[in-house]
Amino acid sequence: MIEFNRSNKYIDAALNGRATRQDLIASNLANVDTPYYRSRDIHFEEMLAQEAHKEFNRHREQKLSMASSSEMHLQPRDRGPQKPVLFYRDGHMARNDGNTVDLDVETSELSKNGVMYDALISARRKNNAIFHAVVDAGRNL
């Protein structure tokens, strides 16, 4: 597949992360009355920002190479991109039944996640519109 814009893959990854987060928040809301249920969330923004900095060379990372005295030594492996971190949102006081879901927090996170999802969709559409405008302008030449 031809890649016309380097930011599209990060927009797609952010959309996938937002969809996963939407599912987790919906699961938390569905289990608001389940005893001993612990609300869950996901961190993906930091990982995505680190990968974007690498791609766009905003953060110049100096890497120290490992010295070896023989060609038979094993070379270090690149761990690749990190995975998003799933965590329990335990900063809120548990109710008497041990449930940590706070309805106010979950609904505000749900709406915030929806706004971010819509912003990513708008960014993706704008990127596509710019590409199509360039192609259309090239046809008219």
C-alpha atoms as a PDB file:
ATOM      1  CA  MET A   1       0.000   0.000   0.000  1.00  0.00           C
ATOM      2  CA  ILE A   2       1.289   3.448  -0.897  1.00  0.00           C
ATOM      3  CA  GLU A   3       1.548   5.828   2.011  1.00  0.00           C
ATOM      4  CA  PHE A   4       0.854   9.430   1.054  1.00  0.00           C
ATOM      5  CA  ASN A   5       0.896  10.939   4.521  1.00  0.00           C
ATOM      6  CA  ARG A   6       2.991   9.733   7.446  1.00  0.00           C
ATOM      7  CA  SER A   7       0.478  10.999   9.992  1.00  0.00           C
ATOM      8  CA  ASN A   8      -2.363   8.771   8.745  1.00  0.00           C
ATOM      9  CA  LYS A   9      -1.017   5.666  10.463  1.00  0.00           C
ATOM     10  CA  TYR A  10      -0.871   7.548  13.773  1.00  0.00           C
ATOM     11  CA  ILE A  11      -4.396   8.844  13.313  1.00  0.00           C
ATOM     12  CA  ASP A  12      -5.516   5.262  12.638  1.00  0.00           C
ATOM     13  CA  ALA A  13      -3.665   4.002  15.734  1.00  0.00           C
ATOM     14  CA  ALA A  14      -5.233   6.768  17.840  1.00  0.00           C
ATOM     15  CA  LEU A  15      -8.688   5.886  16.492  1.00  0.00           C
ATOM     16  CA  ASN A  16      -8.121   2.245  17.449  1.00  0.00           C
ATOM     17  CA  GLY A  17      -6.982   3.307  20.915  1.00  0.00           C
ATOM     18  CA  ARG A  18     -10.030   5.528  21.334  1.00  0.00           C
ATOM     19  CA  ALA A  19     -12.326   2.682  20.242  1.00  0.00           C
ATOM     20  CA  THR A  20     -10.692   0.359  22.782  1.00  0.00           C
ATOM     21  CA  ARG A  21     -11.072   3.009  25.462  1.00  0.00           C
ATOM     22  CA  GLN A  22     -14.745   3.436  24.520  1.00  0.00           C
ATOM     23  CA  ASP A  23     -15.267  -0.311  24.999  1.00  0.00           C
ATOM     24  CA  LEU A  24     -13.577  -0.247  28.419  1.00  0.00           C
ATOM     25  CA  ILE A  25     -15.638   2.704  29.619  1.00  0.00           C
ATOM     26  CA  ALA A  26     -18.820   1.031  28.359  1.00  0.00           C
ATOM     27  CA  SER A  27     -17.816  -2.111  30.242  1.00  0.00           C
ATOM     28  CA  ASN A  28     -17.279  -0.063  33.390  1.00  0.00           C
ATOM     29  CA  LEU A  29     -20.711   1.526  33.028  1.00  0.00           C
ATOM     30  CA  ALA A  30     -22.333  -1.857  32.405  1.00  0.00           C
ATOM     31  CA  ASN A  31     -20.816  -3.180  35.635  1.00  0.00           C
ATOM     32  CA  VAL A  32     -21.715  -0.216  37.831  1.00  0.00           C
ATOM     33  CA  ASP A  33     -23.782  -2.509  40.095  1.00  0.00           C
ATOM     34  CA  THR A  34     -21.495  -5.569  39.986  1.00  0.00           C
ATOM     35  CA  PRO A  35     -19.979  -6.315  43.408  1.00  0.00           C
ATOM     36  CA  TYR A  36     -16.161  -6.157  43.603  1.00  0.00           C
ATOM     37  CA  TYR A  37     -15.843  -4.886  40.022  1.00  0.00           C
ATOM     38  CA  ARG A  38     -12.831  -2.616  39.534  1.00  0.00           C
ATOM     39  CA  SER A  39     -13.091   0.039  36.842  1.00  0.00           C
ATOM     40  CA  ARG A  40     -10.528  -0.289  34.057  1.00  0.00           C
ATOM     41  CA  ASP A  41      -8.923   2.152  31.632  1.00  0.00           C
ATOM     42  CA  ILE A  42      -6.119   2.231  29.080  1.00  0.00           C
ATOM     43  CA  HIS A  43      -3.072   4.464  28.543  1.00  0.00           C
ATOM     44  CA  PHE A  44      -2.091   4.739  24.916  1.00  0.00           C
ATOM     45  CA  GLU A  45      -1.450   8.450  24.412  1.00  0.00           C
ATOM     46  CA  GLU A  46       2.114   8.381  25.770  1.00  0.00           C
ATOM     47  CA  MET A  47       3.089   5.384  23.652  1.00  0.00           C
ATOM     48  CA  LEU A  48       1.567   6.954  20.544  1.00  0.00           C
ATOM     49  CA  ALA A  49       3.347  10.267  21.189  1.00  0.00           C
ATOM     50  CA  GLN A  50       6.700   8.486  21.579  1.00  0.00           C
ATOM     51  CA  GLU A  51       6.233   6.663  18.281  1.00  0.00           C
ATOM     52  CA  ALA A  52       5.211   9.887  16.524  1.00  0.00           C
ATOM     53  CA  HIS A  53       8.294  11.678  17.870  1.00  0.00           C
ATOM     54  CA  LYS A  54      10.479   8.914  16.455  1.00  0.00           C
ATOM     55  CA  GLU A  55       8.754   9.102  13.055  1.00  0.00           C
ATOM     56  CA  PHE A  56       8.859  12.851  12.658  1.00  0.00           C
ATOM     57  CA  ASN A  57      12.335  13.319  14.222  1.00  0.00           C
ATOM     58  CA  ARG A  58      11.090  15.835  16.751  1.00  0.00           C
ATOM     59  CA  HIS A  59      12.911  14.137  19.547  1.00  0.00           C
ATOM     60  CA  ARG A  60      16.421  13.241  18.617  1.00  0.00           C
ATOM     61  CA  GLU A  61      17.331  10.129  20.487  1.00  0.00           C
ATOM     62  CA  GLN A  62      21.005   9.361  20.818  1.00  0.00           C
ATOM     63  CA  LYS A  63      21.584   5.677  21.124  1.00  0.00           C
ATOM     64  CA  LEU A  64      24.739   4.165  22.515  1.00  0.00           C
ATOM     65  CA  SER A  65      25.682   1.054  20.587  1.00  0.00           C
ATOM     66  CA  MET A  66      26.855  -2.026  22.438  1.00  0.00           C
ATOM     67  CA  ALA A  67      30.521  -2.849  22.083  1.00  0.00           C
ATOM     68  CA  SER A  68      31.553  -6.401  21.288  1.00  0.00           C
ATOM     69  CA  SER A  69      34.924  -8.062  21.072  1.00  0.00           C
ATOM     70  CA  SER A  70      33.788 -10.915  18.863  1.00  0.00           C
ATOM     71  CA  GLU A  71      31.428 -11.366  15.941  1.00  0.00           C
ATOM     72  CA  MET A  72      29.994 -14.378  17.795  1.00  0.00           C
ATOM     73  CA  HIS A  73      28.413 -12.114  20.447  1.00  0.00           C
ATOM     74  CA  LEU A  74      24.667 -11.787  20.319  1.00  0.00           C
ATOM     75  CA  GLN A  75      23.356  -8.435  19.168  1.00  0.00           C
ATOM     76  CA  PRO A  76      20.690  -6.654  21.228  1.00  0.00           C
ATOM     77  CA  ARG A  77      17.153  -7.012  19.966  1.00  0.00           C
ATOM     78  CA  ASP A  78      14.895  -4.105  19.224  1.00  0.00           C
ATOM     79  CA  ARG A  79      11.811  -4.459  21.385  1.00  0.00           C
ATOM     80  CA  GLY A  80       9.646  -2.679  18.844  1.00  0.00           C
ATOM     81  CA  PRO A  81       6.704  -0.458  19.686  1.00  0.00           C
ATOM     82  CA  GLN A  82       5.316  -0.758  23.161  1.00  0.00           C
ATOM     83  CA  LYS A  83       1.788  -1.939  23.817  1.00  0.00           C
ATOM     84  CA  PRO A  84      -0.849   0.220  25.504  1.00  0.00           C
ATOM     85  CA  VAL A  85      -1.116  -0.295  29.244  1.00  0.00           C
ATOM     86  CA  LEU A  86      -4.386  -1.533  30.736  1.00  0.00           C
ATOM     87  CA  PHE A  87      -4.803  -0.472  34.348  1.00  0.00           C
ATOM     88  CA  TYR A  88      -7.371  -0.426  37.122  1.00  0.00           C
ATOM     89  CA  ARG A  89      -8.673   3.026  37.940  1.00  0.00           C
ATOM     90  CA  ASP A  90      -8.484   2.652  41.729  1.00  0.00           C
ATOM     91  CA  GLY A  91      -8.130   6.318  42.669  1.00  0.00           C
ATOM     92  CA  HIS A  92     -11.766   6.416  43.706  1.00  0.00           C
ATOM     93  CA  MET A  93     -13.150   5.108  46.921  1.00  0.00           C
ATOM     94  CA  ALA A  94     -14.813   1.719  46.665  1.00  0.00           C
ATOM     95  CA  ARG A  95     -18.399   1.382  47.792  1.00  0.00           C
ATOM     96  CA  ASN A  96     -19.460  -1.054  50.489  1.00  0.00           C
ATOM     97  CA  ASP A  97     -19.781  -3.833  47.886  1.00  0.00           C
ATOM     98  CA  GLY A  98     -16.174  -3.271  46.674  1.00  0.00           C
ATOM     99  CA  ASN A  99     -17.163  -1.720  43.344  1.00  0.00           C
ATOM    100  CA  THR A 100     -14.893   1.170  42.261  1.00  0.00           C
ATOM    101  CA  VAL A 101     -16.968   2.463  39.321  1.00  0.00           C
ATOM    102  CA  ASP A 102     -17.831   6.138  39.759  1.00  0.00           C
ATOM    103  CA  LEU A 103     -20.714   7.035  37.459  1.00  0.00           C
ATOM    104  CA  ASP A 104     -19.711  10.716  37.231  1.00  0.00           C
ATOM    105  CA  VAL A 105     -16.120   9.891  36.289  1.00  0.00           C
ATOM    106  CA  GLU A 106     -17.148   7.301  33.725  1.00  0.00           C
ATOM    107  CA  THR A 107     -19.671   9.547  31.981  1.00  0.00           C
ATOM    108  CA  SER A 108     -17.206  12.445  31.821  1.00  0.00           C
ATOM    109  CA  GLU A 109     -14.485  10.125  30.450  1.00  0.00           C
ATOM    110  CA  LEU A 110     -16.994   8.775  27.933  1.00  0.00           C
ATOM    111  CA  SER A 111     -17.840  12.246  26.643  1.00  0.00           C
ATOM    112  CA  LYS A 112     -14.172  13.298  26.593  1.00  0.00           C
ATOM    113  CA  ASN A 113     -13.269  10.176  24.640  1.00  0.00           C
ATOM    114  CA  GLY A 114     -16.098  10.893  22.173  1.00  0.00           C
ATOM    115  CA  VAL A 115     -14.844  14.429  21.571  1.00  0.00           C
ATOM    116  CA  MET A 116     -11.304  13.162  20.960  1.00  0.00           C
ATOM    117  CA  TYR A 117     -12.617  10.496  18.580  1.00  0.00           C
ATOM    118  CA  ASP A 118     -14.544  13.129  16.605  1.00  0.00           C
ATOM    119  CA  ALA A 119     -11.440  15.343  16.457  1.00  0.00           C
ATOM    120  CA  LEU A 120      -9.401  12.454  15.052  1.00  0.00           C
ATOM    121  CA  ILE A 121     -12.074  11.755  12.431  1.00  0.00           C
ATOM    122  CA  SER A 122     -11.983  15.441  11.433  1.00  0.00           C
ATOM    123  CA  ALA A 123      -8.189  15.358  11.155  1.00  0.00           C
ATOM    124  CA  ARG A 124      -8.362  12.265   8.976  1.00  0.00           C
ATOM    125  CA  ARG A 125     -10.965  13.882   6.703  1.00  0.00           C
ATOM    126  CA  LYS A 126      -8.870  17.045   6.418  1.00  0.00           C
ATOM    127  CA  ASN A 127      -5.790  15.016   5.449  1.00  0.00           C
ATOM    128  CA  ASN A 128      -7.797  13.195   2.791  1.00  0.00           C
ATOM    129  CA  ALA A 129      -9.320  16.446   1.497  1.00  0.00           C
ATOM    130  CA  ILE A 130      -5.853  17.989   1.100  1.00  0.00           C
ATOM    131  CA  PHE A 131      -4.664  14.942  -0.821  1.00  0.00           C
ATOM    132  CA  HIS A 132      -7.712  14.974  -3.094  1.00  0.00           C
ATOM    133  CA  ALA A 133      -7.303  18.720  -3.720  1.00  0.00           C
ATOM    134  CA  VAL A 134      -3.707  18.168  -4.840  1.00  0.00           C
ATOM    135  CA  VAL A 135      -4.732  15.319  -7.151  1.00  0.00           C
ATOM    136  CA  ASP A 136      -7.571  17.385  -8.638  1.00  0.00           C
ATOM    137  CA  ALA A 137      -5.249  20.351  -9.166  1.00  0.00           C
ATOM    138  CA  GLY A 138      -2.809  18.055 -10.982  1.00  0.00           C
ATOM    139  CA  ARG A 139      -5.546  16.902 -13.334  1.00  0.00           C
ATOM    140  CA  ASN A 140      -6.328  20.455 -14.349  1.00  0.00           C
ATOM    141  CA  LEU A 141      -2.773  21.193 -15.472  1.00  0.00           C
END
